[in-house]
Amino acid sequence: MVQIGGLTLDITEQNRAVEHVLATTDNPRHRYLLQVYLRHRYLESAGRWQEILDPELTVEHPVYRFSLAGRPSFVLDGRDQVAALYRHWTDTDQSVFYVTDEIVAVGDHMVVGRGISYQQTRGAELAAEGVDADAGAMYLTRSAIAMIWPYDDRCRLLGEDVWEFDPTVRQHFKLDPADVLTARQAGDLLDPLITPLPAFDDSLLPSPATGR
């Protein structure tokens, strides 16, 4: 756990809002989508990015769009580009996220969320972006993030639309080395929470007439 300005951050609590919506959702298709979404998010922080790109979770050609404060908007077009980002984050321990104040909603073809994200970020990368940061340290970058994740009929991720909706929230907190989690350590903590998906069957397909 990490203490930031009186706030306690626990990586095992990062998906509390998703878990709550799942526990209160009865629609079978929506429940399956939430389980896919939940698995993806846990795998990402656990450094198990290769499993995110499994055909069971993600289409062959995903497209990720980002609009983040202080950076030009950019697009990751296709599996290779998406894999490169996940690999880099995992190799540099920047795949570790904490999430607070999150609101999550699910529909027939998407999951939507907004909240406060804290991502472990290398000081060297912040310094390269013009931030006054210690290049040898690790930081937590706080951002107000909104996301739309669209899915196909078989509940496979089509991509991500991610944007920072309130740049004034952004702040960088230098971490004590003892508070830095490696991707491996995060994986050990999250492993008990990463459960297999139930089998997908055609009863979960949307109806041609209703879209559900």
N, C-alpha and C. Protein backbone atom coordinates (compact mmCIF):
# COMPACT_ATOMS: atom_id res chain seq x y z
N MET A 1 0.84 -1.19 0.00
CA MET A 1 0.00 0.00 0.00
C MET A 1 0.88 1.25 0.00
N VAL A 2 0.33 2.33 -0.54
CA VAL A 2 1.06 3.59 -0.66
C VAL A 2 0.22 4.69 -0.02
N GLN A 3 0.89 5.59 0.72
CA GLN A 3 0.22 6.74 1.30
C GLN A 3 0.55 7.98 0.47
N ILE A 4 -0.48 8.64 -0.07
CA ILE A 4 -0.30 9.86 -0.85
C ILE A 4 -1.24 10.92 -0.29
N GLY A 5 -0.66 11.93 0.37
CA GLY A 5 -1.48 13.02 0.88
C GLY A 5 -2.62 12.57 1.76
N GLY A 6 -2.37 11.61 2.62
CA GLY A 6 -3.41 11.11 3.51
C GLY A 6 -4.30 10.05 2.90
N LEU A 7 -4.10 9.76 1.61
CA LEU A 7 -4.89 8.75 0.90
C LEU A 7 -4.09 7.45 0.86
N THR A 8 -4.74 6.35 1.21
CA THR A 8 -4.10 5.03 1.15
C THR A 8 -4.50 4.35 -0.14
N LEU A 9 -3.51 3.96 -0.94
CA LEU A 9 -3.75 3.30 -2.22
C LEU A 9 -3.31 1.84 -2.12
N ASP A 10 -4.22 0.96 -2.51
CA ASP A 10 -3.99 -0.48 -2.43
C ASP A 10 -4.30 -1.07 -3.81
N ILE A 11 -3.31 -1.68 -4.44
CA ILE A 11 -3.50 -2.17 -5.80
C ILE A 11 -4.58 -3.24 -5.87
N THR A 12 -4.80 -3.96 -4.79
CA THR A 12 -5.84 -5.00 -4.82
C THR A 12 -7.24 -4.40 -4.76
N GLU A 13 -7.34 -3.09 -4.52
CA GLU A 13 -8.64 -2.40 -4.48
C GLU A 13 -8.89 -1.58 -5.75
N GLN A 14 -8.02 -1.71 -6.75
CA GLN A 14 -8.10 -0.84 -7.93
C GLN A 14 -9.39 -1.01 -8.72
N ASN A 15 -10.02 -2.16 -8.64
CA ASN A 15 -11.22 -2.43 -9.44
C ASN A 15 -12.47 -2.57 -8.58
N ARG A 16 -12.48 -1.90 -7.43
CA ARG A 16 -13.61 -2.00 -6.51
C ARG A 16 -14.91 -1.58 -7.21
N ALA A 17 -14.88 -0.51 -8.00
CA ALA A 17 -16.10 -0.03 -8.66
C ALA A 17 -16.62 -1.05 -9.68
N VAL A 18 -15.71 -1.68 -10.41
CA VAL A 18 -16.10 -2.69 -11.39
C VAL A 18 -16.72 -3.89 -10.68
N GLU A 19 -16.08 -4.32 -9.61
CA GLU A 19 -16.60 -5.46 -8.84
C GLU A 19 -18.01 -5.16 -8.31
N HIS A 20 -18.25 -3.92 -7.88
CA HIS A 20 -19.56 -3.55 -7.35
C HIS A 20 -20.63 -3.61 -8.44
N VAL A 21 -20.32 -3.06 -9.62
CA VAL A 21 -21.29 -3.10 -10.71
C VAL A 21 -21.57 -4.54 -11.12
N LEU A 22 -20.52 -5.37 -11.18
CA LEU A 22 -20.71 -6.77 -11.52
C LEU A 22 -21.64 -7.46 -10.51
N ALA A 23 -21.45 -7.17 -9.24
CA ALA A 23 -22.24 -7.81 -8.19
C ALA A 23 -23.70 -7.39 -8.23
N THR A 24 -23.99 -6.25 -8.85
CA THR A 24 -25.37 -5.74 -8.88
C THR A 24 -25.99 -5.80 -10.27
N THR A 25 -25.36 -6.52 -11.19
CA THR A 25 -25.85 -6.63 -12.56
C THR A 25 -26.42 -8.03 -12.81
N ASP A 26 -27.61 -8.09 -13.39
CA ASP A 26 -28.27 -9.37 -13.67
C ASP A 26 -28.21 -9.77 -15.14
N ASN A 27 -28.17 -8.80 -16.04
CA ASN A 27 -28.16 -9.10 -17.48
C ASN A 27 -26.95 -9.99 -17.81
N PRO A 28 -27.17 -11.19 -18.38
CA PRO A 28 -26.05 -12.12 -18.61
C PRO A 28 -24.97 -11.56 -19.54
N ARG A 29 -25.38 -10.86 -20.60
CA ARG A 29 -24.38 -10.30 -21.51
C ARG A 29 -23.57 -9.21 -20.81
N HIS A 30 -24.25 -8.36 -20.06
CA HIS A 30 -23.55 -7.30 -19.34
C HIS A 30 -22.59 -7.88 -18.30
N ARG A 31 -23.02 -8.93 -17.63
CA ARG A 31 -22.14 -9.57 -16.65
C ARG A 31 -20.89 -10.12 -17.32
N TYR A 32 -21.07 -10.73 -18.48
CA TYR A 32 -19.91 -11.29 -19.19
C TYR A 32 -18.96 -10.16 -19.61
N LEU A 33 -19.50 -9.06 -20.14
CA LEU A 33 -18.66 -7.93 -20.53
C LEU A 33 -17.87 -7.39 -19.34
N LEU A 34 -18.51 -7.27 -18.20
CA LEU A 34 -17.83 -6.76 -17.01
C LEU A 34 -16.72 -7.71 -16.57
N GLN A 35 -16.94 -9.00 -16.71
CA GLN A 35 -15.89 -9.96 -16.35
C GLN A 35 -14.71 -9.88 -17.32
N VAL A 36 -14.98 -9.67 -18.60
CA VAL A 36 -13.91 -9.47 -19.58
C VAL A 36 -13.12 -8.21 -19.24
N TYR A 37 -13.85 -7.14 -18.96
CA TYR A 37 -13.23 -5.85 -18.60
C TYR A 37 -12.38 -5.98 -17.34
N LEU A 38 -12.93 -6.64 -16.34
CA LEU A 38 -12.22 -6.82 -15.08
C LEU A 38 -10.95 -7.63 -15.27
N ARG A 39 -11.04 -8.71 -16.02
CA ARG A 39 -9.87 -9.55 -16.27
C ARG A 39 -8.78 -8.75 -16.97
N HIS A 40 -9.15 -7.97 -17.98
CA HIS A 40 -8.19 -7.15 -18.72
C HIS A 40 -7.45 -6.21 -17.76
N ARG A 41 -8.19 -5.52 -16.91
CA ARG A 41 -7.57 -4.53 -16.04
C ARG A 41 -6.64 -5.17 -15.02
N TYR A 42 -7.03 -6.30 -14.46
CA TYR A 42 -6.13 -6.99 -13.53
C TYR A 42 -4.88 -7.51 -14.26
N LEU A 43 -5.06 -8.08 -15.44
CA LEU A 43 -3.91 -8.59 -16.18
C LEU A 43 -2.92 -7.47 -16.51
N GLU A 44 -3.44 -6.28 -16.83
CA GLU A 44 -2.56 -5.17 -17.19
C GLU A 44 -1.65 -4.79 -16.04
N SER A 45 -2.22 -4.59 -14.85
CA SER A 45 -1.39 -4.20 -13.71
C SER A 45 -0.53 -5.35 -13.21
N ALA A 46 -0.92 -6.58 -13.52
CA ALA A 46 -0.12 -7.74 -13.12
C ALA A 46 1.04 -8.00 -14.07
N GLY A 47 1.14 -7.21 -15.14
CA GLY A 47 2.22 -7.39 -16.11
C GLY A 47 2.01 -8.57 -17.04
N ARG A 48 0.80 -9.11 -17.08
CA ARG A 48 0.50 -10.28 -17.93
C ARG A 48 -0.17 -9.82 -19.22
N TRP A 49 0.50 -8.89 -19.91
CA TRP A 49 -0.12 -8.24 -21.07
C TRP A 49 -0.38 -9.20 -22.22
N GLN A 50 0.43 -10.24 -22.35
CA GLN A 50 0.22 -11.18 -23.47
C GLN A 50 -1.18 -11.80 -23.41
N GLU A 51 -1.67 -12.03 -22.18
CA GLU A 51 -3.00 -12.64 -22.03
C GLU A 51 -4.12 -11.67 -22.42
N ILE A 52 -3.85 -10.36 -22.33
CA ILE A 52 -4.85 -9.37 -22.76
C ILE A 52 -5.13 -9.52 -24.25
N LEU A 53 -4.12 -9.89 -25.02
CA LEU A 53 -4.25 -9.98 -26.47
C LEU A 53 -4.72 -11.36 -26.92
N ASP A 54 -5.08 -12.21 -25.97
CA ASP A 54 -5.68 -13.50 -26.33
C ASP A 54 -6.94 -13.26 -27.15
N PRO A 55 -7.17 -14.03 -28.20
CA PRO A 55 -8.37 -13.84 -29.04
C PRO A 55 -9.69 -13.94 -28.28
N GLU A 56 -9.67 -14.55 -27.11
CA GLU A 56 -10.86 -14.62 -26.27
C GLU A 56 -11.24 -13.25 -25.72
N LEU A 57 -10.22 -12.37 -25.56
CA LEU A 57 -10.45 -11.05 -24.95
C LEU A 57 -10.45 -9.91 -25.96
N THR A 58 -9.61 -10.00 -26.99
CA THR A 58 -9.34 -8.85 -27.86
C THR A 58 -9.35 -9.27 -29.32
N VAL A 59 -9.91 -8.40 -30.18
CA VAL A 59 -9.95 -8.69 -31.61
C VAL A 59 -8.54 -8.66 -32.20
N GLU A 60 -8.42 -9.14 -33.41
CA GLU A 60 -7.11 -9.24 -34.06
C GLU A 60 -6.48 -7.88 -34.29
N HIS A 61 -7.31 -6.86 -34.57
CA HIS A 61 -6.77 -5.53 -34.88
C HIS A 61 -7.41 -4.48 -33.98
N PRO A 62 -6.96 -4.40 -32.72
CA PRO A 62 -7.51 -3.37 -31.82
C PRO A 62 -6.95 -1.99 -32.15
N VAL A 63 -7.72 -0.97 -31.82
CA VAL A 63 -7.29 0.42 -32.02
C VAL A 63 -7.49 1.17 -30.71
N TYR A 64 -6.40 1.73 -30.17
CA TYR A 64 -6.45 2.49 -28.93
C TYR A 64 -6.21 3.97 -29.27
N ARG A 65 -7.06 4.84 -28.72
CA ARG A 65 -6.93 6.28 -28.94
C ARG A 65 -6.75 6.97 -27.59
N PHE A 66 -5.72 7.82 -27.49
CA PHE A 66 -5.41 8.50 -26.24
C PHE A 66 -5.37 10.01 -26.45
N SER A 67 -5.94 10.74 -25.50
CA SER A 67 -5.84 12.20 -25.47
C SER A 67 -5.50 12.59 -24.03
N LEU A 68 -4.22 12.84 -23.79
CA LEU A 68 -3.72 13.05 -22.43
C LEU A 68 -3.13 14.45 -22.28
N ALA A 69 -3.25 14.99 -21.10
CA ALA A 69 -2.79 16.36 -20.85
C ALA A 69 -1.30 16.49 -21.13
N GLY A 70 -0.96 17.58 -21.84
CA GLY A 70 0.44 17.87 -22.11
C GLY A 70 1.07 17.06 -23.22
N ARG A 71 0.27 16.22 -23.90
CA ARG A 71 0.80 15.40 -24.99
C ARG A 71 -0.14 15.48 -26.17
N PRO A 72 0.38 15.42 -27.39
CA PRO A 72 -0.51 15.34 -28.56
C PRO A 72 -1.31 14.05 -28.51
N SER A 73 -2.52 14.08 -29.02
CA SER A 73 -3.31 12.86 -29.11
C SER A 73 -2.57 11.84 -29.97
N PHE A 74 -2.71 10.54 -29.63
CA PHE A 74 -2.04 9.52 -30.43
C PHE A 74 -2.90 8.28 -30.51
N VAL A 75 -2.59 7.45 -31.50
CA VAL A 75 -3.37 6.24 -31.77
C VAL A 75 -2.42 5.06 -31.84
N LEU A 76 -2.81 3.96 -31.21
CA LEU A 76 -2.13 2.68 -31.39
C LEU A 76 -3.00 1.85 -32.32
N ASP A 77 -2.50 1.58 -33.50
CA ASP A 77 -3.30 0.97 -34.56
C ASP A 77 -2.81 -0.46 -34.80
N GLY A 78 -3.49 -1.41 -34.18
CA GLY A 78 -3.15 -2.81 -34.41
C GLY A 78 -2.45 -3.46 -33.24
N ARG A 79 -2.44 -4.77 -33.27
CA ARG A 79 -1.91 -5.59 -32.18
C ARG A 79 -0.45 -5.28 -31.86
N ASP A 80 0.39 -5.10 -32.89
CA ASP A 80 1.81 -4.88 -32.64
C ASP A 80 2.05 -3.60 -31.85
N GLN A 81 1.36 -2.53 -32.21
CA GLN A 81 1.55 -1.26 -31.51
C GLN A 81 1.02 -1.33 -30.09
N VAL A 82 -0.13 -1.98 -29.91
CA VAL A 82 -0.68 -2.13 -28.57
C VAL A 82 0.25 -2.98 -27.71
N ALA A 83 0.75 -4.08 -28.26
CA ALA A 83 1.66 -4.95 -27.53
C ALA A 83 2.93 -4.21 -27.12
N ALA A 84 3.43 -3.34 -28.00
CA ALA A 84 4.66 -2.60 -27.70
C ALA A 84 4.48 -1.70 -26.48
N LEU A 85 3.31 -1.06 -26.35
CA LEU A 85 3.07 -0.21 -25.20
C LEU A 85 2.97 -1.04 -23.92
N TYR A 86 2.20 -2.13 -23.97
CA TYR A 86 2.08 -2.97 -22.78
C TYR A 86 3.44 -3.54 -22.37
N ARG A 87 4.22 -3.97 -23.36
CA ARG A 87 5.54 -4.54 -23.06
C ARG A 87 6.43 -3.49 -22.38
N HIS A 88 6.42 -2.28 -22.92
CA HIS A 88 7.24 -1.21 -22.34
C HIS A 88 6.81 -0.91 -20.91
N TRP A 89 5.51 -0.76 -20.70
CA TRP A 89 5.04 -0.47 -19.35
C TRP A 89 5.44 -1.58 -18.37
N THR A 90 5.30 -2.83 -18.78
CA THR A 90 5.63 -3.94 -17.89
C THR A 90 7.13 -3.99 -17.62
N ASP A 91 7.94 -3.84 -18.65
CA ASP A 91 9.39 -3.92 -18.50
C ASP A 91 9.95 -2.81 -17.61
N THR A 92 9.23 -1.68 -17.54
CA THR A 92 9.70 -0.53 -16.75
C THR A 92 8.88 -0.32 -15.48
N ASP A 93 8.04 -1.29 -15.12
CA ASP A 93 7.19 -1.24 -13.92
C ASP A 93 6.21 -0.07 -13.95
N GLN A 94 5.83 0.35 -15.14
CA GLN A 94 4.83 1.41 -15.29
C GLN A 94 3.44 0.84 -15.59
N SER A 95 3.30 -0.46 -15.48
CA SER A 95 2.00 -1.11 -15.65
C SER A 95 1.20 -1.11 -14.35
N VAL A 96 1.77 -0.55 -13.30
CA VAL A 96 1.12 -0.54 -11.99
C VAL A 96 0.18 0.66 -11.88
N PHE A 97 -1.10 0.38 -11.65
CA PHE A 97 -2.12 1.43 -11.53
C PHE A 97 -2.87 1.29 -10.21
N TYR A 98 -3.24 2.43 -9.65
CA TYR A 98 -4.21 2.51 -8.57
C TYR A 98 -5.36 3.36 -9.08
N VAL A 99 -6.59 3.09 -8.63
CA VAL A 99 -7.76 3.81 -9.11
C VAL A 99 -8.65 4.17 -7.94
N THR A 100 -9.14 5.42 -7.91
CA THR A 100 -10.07 5.85 -6.87
C THR A 100 -11.22 6.62 -7.52
N ASP A 101 -12.29 6.80 -6.75
CA ASP A 101 -13.42 7.64 -7.16
C ASP A 101 -13.95 7.28 -8.54
N GLU A 102 -14.06 5.99 -8.80
CA GLU A 102 -14.44 5.54 -10.14
C GLU A 102 -15.94 5.28 -10.24
N ILE A 103 -16.50 5.62 -11.41
CA ILE A 103 -17.87 5.30 -11.77
C ILE A 103 -17.81 4.45 -13.03
N VAL A 104 -18.55 3.34 -13.05
CA VAL A 104 -18.52 2.40 -14.17
C VAL A 104 -19.93 2.10 -14.63
N ALA A 105 -20.12 2.04 -15.96
CA ALA A 105 -21.41 1.67 -16.53
C ALA A 105 -21.16 0.69 -17.68
N VAL A 106 -22.14 -0.18 -17.91
CA VAL A 106 -22.00 -1.19 -18.96
C VAL A 106 -23.22 -1.16 -19.87
N GLY A 107 -23.00 -1.35 -21.16
CA GLY A 107 -24.06 -1.48 -22.15
C GLY A 107 -23.86 -2.75 -22.95
N ASP A 108 -24.61 -2.91 -24.01
CA ASP A 108 -24.54 -4.14 -24.78
C ASP A 108 -23.22 -4.28 -25.55
N HIS A 109 -22.58 -3.15 -25.88
CA HIS A 109 -21.35 -3.20 -26.67
C HIS A 109 -20.23 -2.33 -26.11
N MET A 110 -20.34 -1.91 -24.85
CA MET A 110 -19.26 -1.10 -24.31
C MET A 110 -19.30 -1.07 -22.80
N VAL A 111 -18.13 -0.75 -22.23
CA VAL A 111 -18.00 -0.43 -20.82
C VAL A 111 -17.42 0.98 -20.74
N VAL A 112 -18.01 1.81 -19.88
CA VAL A 112 -17.60 3.21 -19.75
C VAL A 112 -17.21 3.45 -18.30
N GLY A 113 -16.15 4.20 -18.10
CA GLY A 113 -15.73 4.51 -16.75
C GLY A 113 -15.04 5.86 -16.67
N ARG A 114 -15.09 6.46 -15.50
CA ARG A 114 -14.30 7.66 -15.23
C ARG A 114 -13.91 7.67 -13.77
N GLY A 115 -12.70 8.15 -13.50
CA GLY A 115 -12.23 8.16 -12.14
C GLY A 115 -10.85 8.80 -12.06
N ILE A 116 -10.21 8.62 -10.94
CA ILE A 116 -8.87 9.15 -10.72
C ILE A 116 -7.88 8.00 -10.80
N SER A 117 -6.95 8.11 -11.71
CA SER A 117 -5.95 7.07 -11.94
C SER A 117 -4.59 7.53 -11.40
N TYR A 118 -3.89 6.60 -10.78
CA TYR A 118 -2.51 6.82 -10.33
C TYR A 118 -1.64 5.78 -11.01
N GLN A 119 -0.78 6.21 -11.90
CA GLN A 119 0.09 5.27 -12.62
C GLN A 119 1.54 5.47 -12.20
N GLN A 120 2.22 4.38 -11.88
CA GLN A 120 3.66 4.48 -11.66
C GLN A 120 4.32 4.95 -12.94
N THR A 121 5.14 5.99 -12.83
CA THR A 121 5.75 6.61 -14.01
C THR A 121 7.21 6.90 -13.73
N ARG A 122 8.07 6.51 -14.63
CA ARG A 122 9.51 6.74 -14.47
C ARG A 122 9.82 8.23 -14.55
N GLY A 123 10.64 8.69 -13.61
CA GLY A 123 11.06 10.08 -13.63
C GLY A 123 11.76 10.46 -14.91
N ALA A 124 12.51 9.52 -15.50
CA ALA A 124 13.22 9.81 -16.74
C ALA A 124 12.26 10.14 -17.86
N GLU A 125 11.10 9.47 -17.90
CA GLU A 125 10.13 9.74 -18.96
C GLU A 125 9.40 11.05 -18.70
N LEU A 126 9.14 11.36 -17.43
CA LEU A 126 8.54 12.65 -17.11
C LEU A 126 9.49 13.79 -17.47
N ALA A 127 10.76 13.62 -17.13
CA ALA A 127 11.74 14.65 -17.45
C ALA A 127 11.84 14.87 -18.96
N ALA A 128 11.74 13.79 -19.73
CA ALA A 128 11.80 13.91 -21.20
C ALA A 128 10.61 14.68 -21.74
N GLU A 129 9.50 14.70 -20.98
CA GLU A 129 8.31 15.45 -21.39
C GLU A 129 8.33 16.88 -20.88
N GLY A 130 9.40 17.27 -20.19
CA GLY A 130 9.52 18.63 -19.70
C GLY A 130 9.07 18.83 -18.27
N VAL A 131 8.75 17.73 -17.56
CA VAL A 131 8.35 17.82 -16.16
C VAL A 131 9.61 17.92 -15.30
N ASP A 132 9.54 18.75 -14.25
CA ASP A 132 10.65 18.86 -13.31
C ASP A 132 10.65 17.62 -12.42
N ALA A 133 11.38 16.60 -12.84
CA ALA A 133 11.35 15.31 -12.14
C ALA A 133 12.76 14.75 -12.03
N ASP A 134 12.97 13.96 -11.00
CA ASP A 134 14.22 13.25 -10.78
C ASP A 134 14.25 12.06 -11.72
N ALA A 135 15.18 12.07 -12.66
CA ALA A 135 15.21 11.03 -13.69
C ALA A 135 15.45 9.64 -13.12
N GLY A 136 16.02 9.55 -11.94
CA GLY A 136 16.31 8.25 -11.36
C GLY A 136 15.23 7.73 -10.43
N ALA A 137 14.15 8.47 -10.28
CA ALA A 137 13.11 8.10 -9.33
C ALA A 137 11.88 7.56 -10.05
N MET A 138 10.96 6.99 -9.25
CA MET A 138 9.65 6.58 -9.75
C MET A 138 8.60 7.47 -9.10
N TYR A 139 7.59 7.82 -9.90
CA TYR A 139 6.52 8.69 -9.43
C TYR A 139 5.18 8.00 -9.58
N LEU A 140 4.18 8.52 -8.89
CA LEU A 140 2.79 8.22 -9.21
C LEU A 140 2.22 9.44 -9.92
N THR A 141 1.72 9.23 -11.13
CA THR A 141 1.08 10.29 -11.88
C THR A 141 -0.43 10.20 -11.69
N ARG A 142 -1.00 11.25 -11.10
CA ARG A 142 -2.45 11.29 -10.86
C ARG A 142 -3.13 11.98 -12.05
N SER A 143 -4.18 11.35 -12.56
CA SER A 143 -4.91 11.89 -13.71
C SER A 143 -6.40 11.63 -13.54
N ALA A 144 -7.21 12.55 -14.05
CA ALA A 144 -8.66 12.35 -14.12
C ALA A 144 -8.96 11.74 -15.48
N ILE A 145 -9.30 10.47 -15.50
CA ILE A 145 -9.38 9.70 -16.74
C ILE A 145 -10.81 9.24 -17.00
N ALA A 146 -11.22 9.38 -18.26
CA ALA A 146 -12.48 8.79 -18.73
C ALA A 146 -12.15 7.81 -19.84
N MET A 147 -12.90 6.71 -19.89
CA MET A 147 -12.61 5.66 -20.87
C MET A 147 -13.90 5.10 -21.45
N ILE A 148 -13.86 4.85 -22.75
CA ILE A 148 -14.89 4.06 -23.41
C ILE A 148 -14.19 2.88 -24.07
N TRP A 149 -14.62 1.69 -23.70
CA TRP A 149 -14.07 0.47 -24.29
C TRP A 149 -15.18 -0.21 -25.09
N PRO A 150 -15.12 -0.20 -26.41
CA PRO A 150 -16.14 -0.88 -27.22
C PRO A 150 -15.80 -2.35 -27.43
N TYR A 151 -16.85 -3.17 -27.58
CA TYR A 151 -16.70 -4.61 -27.76
C TYR A 151 -17.54 -5.09 -28.94
N ASP A 152 -17.12 -6.19 -29.56
CA ASP A 152 -17.89 -6.75 -30.67
C ASP A 152 -19.00 -7.65 -30.14
N ASP A 153 -19.72 -8.30 -31.03
CA ASP A 153 -20.85 -9.13 -30.62
C ASP A 153 -20.44 -10.27 -29.69
N ARG A 154 -19.19 -10.73 -29.84
CA ARG A 154 -18.72 -11.84 -29.01
C ARG A 154 -17.95 -11.36 -27.78
N CYS A 155 -18.17 -10.09 -27.43
CA CYS A 155 -17.60 -9.50 -26.21
C CYS A 155 -16.07 -9.44 -26.23
N ARG A 156 -15.52 -9.26 -27.43
CA ARG A 156 -14.07 -9.08 -27.56
C ARG A 156 -13.78 -7.59 -27.72
N LEU A 157 -12.72 -7.13 -27.05
CA LEU A 157 -12.37 -5.72 -27.06
C LEU A 157 -11.99 -5.25 -28.46
N LEU A 158 -12.60 -4.16 -28.89
CA LEU A 158 -12.26 -3.55 -30.18
C LEU A 158 -11.18 -2.49 -30.04
N GLY A 159 -11.03 -1.95 -28.85
CA GLY A 159 -10.04 -0.90 -28.62
C GLY A 159 -10.37 -0.12 -27.36
N GLU A 160 -9.68 0.98 -27.19
CA GLU A 160 -9.91 1.85 -26.05
C GLU A 160 -9.91 3.30 -26.51
N ASP A 161 -10.82 4.09 -25.97
CA ASP A 161 -10.80 5.55 -26.13
C ASP A 161 -10.57 6.11 -24.74
N VAL A 162 -9.42 6.75 -24.53
CA VAL A 162 -9.01 7.21 -23.21
C VAL A 162 -8.65 8.69 -23.29
N TRP A 163 -9.22 9.48 -22.39
CA TRP A 163 -8.86 10.88 -22.39
C TRP A 163 -8.84 11.43 -20.96
N GLU A 164 -8.05 12.48 -20.79
CA GLU A 164 -7.91 13.15 -19.51
C GLU A 164 -8.90 14.31 -19.50
N PHE A 165 -9.97 14.19 -18.70
CA PHE A 165 -11.05 15.16 -18.81
C PHE A 165 -10.85 16.39 -17.93
N ASP A 166 -9.90 16.36 -17.01
CA ASP A 166 -9.62 17.52 -16.16
C ASP A 166 -8.12 17.62 -15.91
N PRO A 167 -7.41 18.34 -16.79
CA PRO A 167 -5.95 18.42 -16.66
C PRO A 167 -5.48 19.02 -15.34
N THR A 168 -6.34 19.77 -14.63
CA THR A 168 -5.90 20.38 -13.38
C THR A 168 -5.67 19.34 -12.28
N VAL A 169 -6.21 18.14 -12.47
CA VAL A 169 -6.02 17.08 -11.48
C VAL A 169 -4.62 16.48 -11.55
N ARG A 170 -3.98 16.61 -12.70
CA ARG A 170 -2.69 15.94 -12.91
C ARG A 170 -1.64 16.44 -11.93
N GLN A 171 -0.98 15.49 -11.30
CA GLN A 171 0.09 15.79 -10.36
C GLN A 171 1.01 14.58 -10.29
N HIS A 172 2.28 14.84 -10.00
CA HIS A 172 3.28 13.77 -9.93
C HIS A 172 3.82 13.68 -8.50
N PHE A 173 3.70 12.50 -7.90
CA PHE A 173 4.15 12.28 -6.53
C PHE A 173 5.38 11.37 -6.55
N LYS A 174 6.48 11.88 -6.06
CA LYS A 174 7.71 11.07 -6.02
C LYS A 174 7.56 9.98 -4.98
N LEU A 175 7.88 8.76 -5.35
CA LEU A 175 7.73 7.62 -4.47
C LEU A 175 9.03 7.30 -3.74
N ASP A 176 8.89 6.94 -2.49
CA ASP A 176 10.01 6.33 -1.78
C ASP A 176 10.29 4.99 -2.45
N PRO A 177 11.55 4.63 -2.65
CA PRO A 177 11.85 3.34 -3.30
C PRO A 177 11.15 2.16 -2.66
N ALA A 178 10.92 2.21 -1.35
CA ALA A 178 10.24 1.10 -0.67
C ALA A 178 8.78 0.98 -1.07
N ASP A 179 8.20 2.04 -1.64
CA ASP A 179 6.79 2.04 -2.04
C ASP A 179 6.59 1.70 -3.51
N VAL A 180 7.67 1.50 -4.24
CA VAL A 180 7.56 1.17 -5.67
C VAL A 180 7.28 -0.32 -5.81
N LEU A 181 6.24 -0.64 -6.58
CA LEU A 181 5.94 -2.03 -6.88
C LEU A 181 6.54 -2.40 -8.23
N THR A 182 7.19 -3.54 -8.29
CA THR A 182 7.57 -4.06 -9.60
C THR A 182 6.35 -4.73 -10.22
N ALA A 183 6.41 -4.93 -11.53
CA ALA A 183 5.32 -5.64 -12.19
C ALA A 183 5.17 -7.05 -11.61
N ARG A 184 6.28 -7.68 -11.26
CA ARG A 184 6.23 -9.02 -10.68
C ARG A 184 5.54 -8.99 -9.32
N GLN A 185 5.87 -8.01 -8.49
CA GLN A 185 5.23 -7.91 -7.18
C GLN A 185 3.73 -7.64 -7.33
N ALA A 186 3.38 -6.77 -8.28
CA ALA A 186 1.97 -6.50 -8.52
C ALA A 186 1.25 -7.76 -8.98
N GLY A 187 1.92 -8.54 -9.82
CA GLY A 187 1.34 -9.79 -10.29
C GLY A 187 1.08 -10.76 -9.16
N ASP A 188 2.00 -10.83 -8.21
CA ASP A 188 1.82 -11.72 -7.06
C ASP A 188 0.62 -11.29 -6.22
N LEU A 189 0.44 -9.98 -6.05
CA LEU A 189 -0.68 -9.47 -5.25
C LEU A 189 -2.02 -9.67 -5.95
N LEU A 190 -2.02 -9.55 -7.27
CA LEU A 190 -3.27 -9.59 -8.03
C LEU A 190 -3.64 -11.00 -8.49
N ASP A 191 -2.69 -11.91 -8.46
CA ASP A 191 -2.95 -13.25 -8.99
C ASP A 191 -4.21 -13.90 -8.39
N PRO A 192 -4.46 -13.78 -7.08
CA PRO A 192 -5.67 -14.42 -6.54
C PRO A 192 -6.97 -13.81 -7.07
N LEU A 193 -6.89 -12.60 -7.63
CA LEU A 193 -8.09 -11.91 -8.13
C LEU A 193 -8.34 -12.15 -9.61
N ILE A 194 -7.38 -12.77 -10.29
CA ILE A 194 -7.50 -12.99 -11.74
C ILE A 194 -8.09 -14.38 -11.96
N THR A 195 -9.36 -14.41 -12.26
CA THR A 195 -10.08 -15.68 -12.39
C THR A 195 -10.39 -15.96 -13.85
N PRO A 196 -10.53 -17.22 -14.23
CA PRO A 196 -10.87 -17.56 -15.62
C PRO A 196 -12.25 -17.03 -15.99
N LEU A 197 -12.42 -16.72 -17.26
CA LEU A 197 -13.73 -16.31 -17.75
C LEU A 197 -14.65 -17.50 -17.86
N PRO A 198 -15.95 -17.31 -17.66
CA PRO A 198 -16.89 -18.39 -17.98
C PRO A 198 -16.91 -18.62 -19.48
N ALA A 199 -17.38 -19.75 -19.90
CA ALA A 199 -17.46 -20.04 -21.34
C ALA A 199 -18.45 -19.10 -22.01
N PHE A 200 -18.06 -18.60 -23.19
CA PHE A 200 -18.99 -17.78 -23.98
C PHE A 200 -19.84 -18.71 -24.84
N ASP A 201 -21.14 -18.48 -24.82
CA ASP A 201 -22.01 -19.26 -25.71
C ASP A 201 -22.95 -18.32 -26.43
N ASP A 202 -23.65 -18.84 -27.43
CA ASP A 202 -24.44 -17.99 -28.31
C ASP A 202 -25.62 -17.31 -27.61
N SER A 203 -25.97 -17.77 -26.42
CA SER A 203 -27.03 -17.10 -25.68
C SER A 203 -26.62 -15.68 -25.27
N LEU A 204 -25.32 -15.41 -25.29
CA LEU A 204 -24.81 -14.09 -24.91
C LEU A 204 -24.72 -13.13 -26.09
N LEU A 205 -24.99 -13.61 -27.30
CA LEU A 205 -24.96 -12.74 -28.47
C LEU A 205 -26.12 -11.76 -28.42
N PRO A 206 -25.92 -10.53 -28.96
CA PRO A 206 -27.03 -9.57 -29.01
C PRO A 206 -28.09 -10.03 -29.99
N SER A 207 -29.33 -9.75 -29.68
CA SER A 207 -30.43 -10.09 -30.58
C SER A 207 -30.41 -9.18 -31.80
N PRO A 208 -30.54 -9.71 -33.02
CA PRO A 208 -30.58 -8.84 -34.22
C PRO A 208 -31.69 -7.80 -34.16
N ALA A 209 -32.78 -8.16 -33.51
CA ALA A 209 -33.93 -7.25 -33.48
C ALA A 209 -33.76 -6.14 -32.46
N THR A 210 -33.18 -6.47 -31.31
CA THR A 210 -33.13 -5.51 -30.22
C THR A 210 -31.73 -4.99 -29.93
N GLY A 211 -30.70 -5.67 -30.50
CA GLY A 211 -29.34 -5.32 -30.16
C GLY A 211 -28.90 -5.86 -28.84
N ARG A 212 -29.73 -6.75 -28.24
CA ARG A 212 -29.39 -7.33 -26.94
C ARG A 212 -29.46 -8.85 -27.01
